[in-house]
Each structure stands twice: as structure tokens, then as C-alpha cells.
Amino acid sequence: MVAGMIEDERFVCVGICTTIEINHKIIDSAKKGQEVCIKIEPLGGDAPKMYGRHFDHTDLLVSKITRESIDTLKKYFRDDVQKTDWQLIIDLKKLFEIL
């Protein structure tokens, strides 16, 4: 997933989330409210964005979604996505101005 932060109402790409961990154990996903450690690697050729220098815990960090990723969720994973997660997707659609 491409991770980025919202700065002055625009998306600033931080990189790609390659790992999510809880207590040094790799997990596939995290739920709202869980405290996790994520590893974000820069996109090819970009300089790494560093926690504490370029962003910190006060910044809104989100996954970049696309119309294609939303359509894939609807087609293949509709029953697996919880109602609260659909609400998050709706909020991200508004943020990224996806029709």
C-alpha cells in the first residue's frame, strides 16, 4: 500500500508500507485503534521521508486508494470488509476526490 500524509489538504507520498508489526510479530493488517509499528520504504528514486524530520505522530497518515482498488474491494472482498472500514473508504474517496 502506498502510504502518505495529508499536509495542507494535499497528499504527500511518504512511501510504501512494507511491514506491519505488533510486539515484533509481523501481521497482515491492523484495526482502527491498534498501536502498530509500520515500515515504510521510499518509492523508487525518492529520498526517504523520516519520522521526526518530515512527519510525526500528529500528521494524518493514510493509504492512497484508487477507483480500481475500491472496485476490487467491492468485487472480491465485499463480505470481508466491516461497516466501519467501508466508512473509512468513503472518507478517503472524498479526500482523494474519487467519483
Protein backbone atom coordinates (compact mmCIF):
# COMPACT_ATOMS: atom_id res chain seq x y z
CA MET A 1 0.00 0.00 0.00
CA VAL A 2 1.21 3.48 -0.77
CA ALA A 3 1.32 5.50 2.42
CA GLY A 4 1.27 9.23 2.65
CA MET A 5 0.31 12.08 4.84
CA ILE A 6 -2.11 14.90 4.43
CA GLU A 7 -0.39 18.26 4.55
CA ASP A 8 -2.25 21.48 3.87
CA GLU A 9 -5.10 19.45 2.35
CA ARG A 10 -2.85 17.70 -0.17
CA PHE A 11 -1.46 14.17 -0.28
CA VAL A 12 2.29 13.92 0.26
CA CYS A 13 3.63 10.46 -0.56
CA VAL A 14 5.81 9.01 2.19
CA GLY A 15 6.42 5.64 0.55
CA ILE A 16 5.15 2.07 0.51
CA CYS A 17 4.15 0.28 3.70
CA THR A 18 6.09 -2.99 3.54
CA THR A 19 5.57 -4.36 7.05
CA ILE A 20 3.10 -4.04 9.93
CA GLU A 21 4.12 -5.39 13.35
CA ILE A 22 2.71 -5.79 16.84
CA ASN A 23 5.19 -6.77 19.57
CA HIS A 24 7.84 -7.59 16.94
CA LYS A 25 5.47 -10.01 15.16
CA ILE A 26 4.51 -9.34 11.56
CA ILE A 27 0.77 -9.09 10.92
CA ASP A 28 -1.23 -8.72 7.69
CA SER A 29 -3.41 -5.82 8.77
CA ALA A 30 -4.30 -3.59 11.69
CA LYS A 31 -7.63 -2.43 13.01
CA LYS A 32 -8.60 1.10 13.95
CA GLY A 33 -7.20 1.96 17.38
CA GLN A 34 -4.42 -0.64 17.40
CA GLU A 35 -0.92 0.60 18.08
CA VAL A 36 1.39 -0.89 15.49
CA CYS A 37 4.84 -0.41 14.06
CA ILE A 38 4.97 0.08 10.30
CA LYS A 39 7.92 0.05 7.96
CA ILE A 40 7.62 2.49 5.11
CA GLU A 41 10.12 2.30 2.27
CA PRO A 42 10.57 5.11 -0.23
CA LEU A 43 9.28 4.79 -3.76
CA GLY A 44 11.97 4.14 -6.34
CA GLY A 45 14.35 7.07 -6.60
CA ASP A 46 12.74 9.13 -3.83
CA ALA A 47 14.71 10.20 -0.79
CA PRO A 48 13.37 8.53 2.37
CA LYS A 49 10.92 10.57 4.45
CA MET A 50 11.97 10.35 8.08
CA TYR A 51 9.76 10.22 11.16
CA GLY A 52 10.53 13.23 13.30
CA ARG A 53 12.01 15.21 10.43
CA HIS A 54 9.41 15.06 7.64
CA PHE A 55 6.39 13.81 9.60
CA ASP A 56 5.44 12.70 13.11
CA HIS A 57 2.57 11.26 15.15
CA THR A 58 0.50 14.43 14.75
CA ASP A 59 0.28 14.06 10.96
CA LEU A 60 -2.62 12.21 9.38
CA LEU A 61 -1.10 9.15 7.71
CA VAL A 62 -3.36 7.41 5.19
CA SER A 63 -3.28 4.78 2.46
CA LYS A 64 -3.61 6.07 -1.08
CA ILE A 65 -6.64 4.44 -2.67
CA THR A 66 -7.80 4.48 -6.27
CA ARG A 67 -11.07 3.82 -8.08
CA GLU A 68 -9.55 0.50 -9.17
CA SER A 69 -8.73 -0.56 -5.60
CA ILE A 70 -12.24 0.32 -4.43
CA ASP A 71 -13.80 -1.64 -7.29
CA THR A 72 -11.60 -4.65 -6.43
CA LEU A 73 -12.72 -4.49 -2.79
CA LYS A 74 -16.35 -4.41 -3.86
CA LYS A 75 -15.98 -7.25 -6.35
CA TYR A 76 -13.87 -9.72 -4.36
CA PHE A 77 -13.93 -8.70 -0.68
CA ARG A 78 -17.31 -7.05 -0.09
CA ASP A 79 -18.33 -9.52 2.64
CA ASP A 80 -14.91 -9.33 4.36
CA VAL A 81 -14.89 -5.56 4.83
CA GLN A 82 -16.56 -4.34 8.02
CA LYS A 83 -19.02 -1.46 8.07
CA THR A 84 -16.54 0.85 9.82
CA ASP A 85 -13.95 0.09 7.13
CA TRP A 86 -16.45 0.99 4.39
CA GLN A 87 -16.96 4.32 6.15
CA LEU A 88 -13.20 4.89 6.09
CA ILE A 89 -13.17 4.13 2.37
CA ILE A 90 -15.97 6.65 1.84
CA ASP A 91 -13.97 9.26 3.77
CA LEU A 92 -10.84 8.52 1.71
CA LYS A 93 -12.88 8.76 -1.51
CA LYS A 94 -13.87 12.29 -0.52
CA LEU A 95 -10.30 13.14 0.44
CA PHE A 96 -8.89 11.93 -2.87
CA GLU A 97 -11.90 13.20 -4.85
CA ILE A 98 -12.68 9.78 -6.31
CA LEU A 99 -16.02 9.54 -8.09
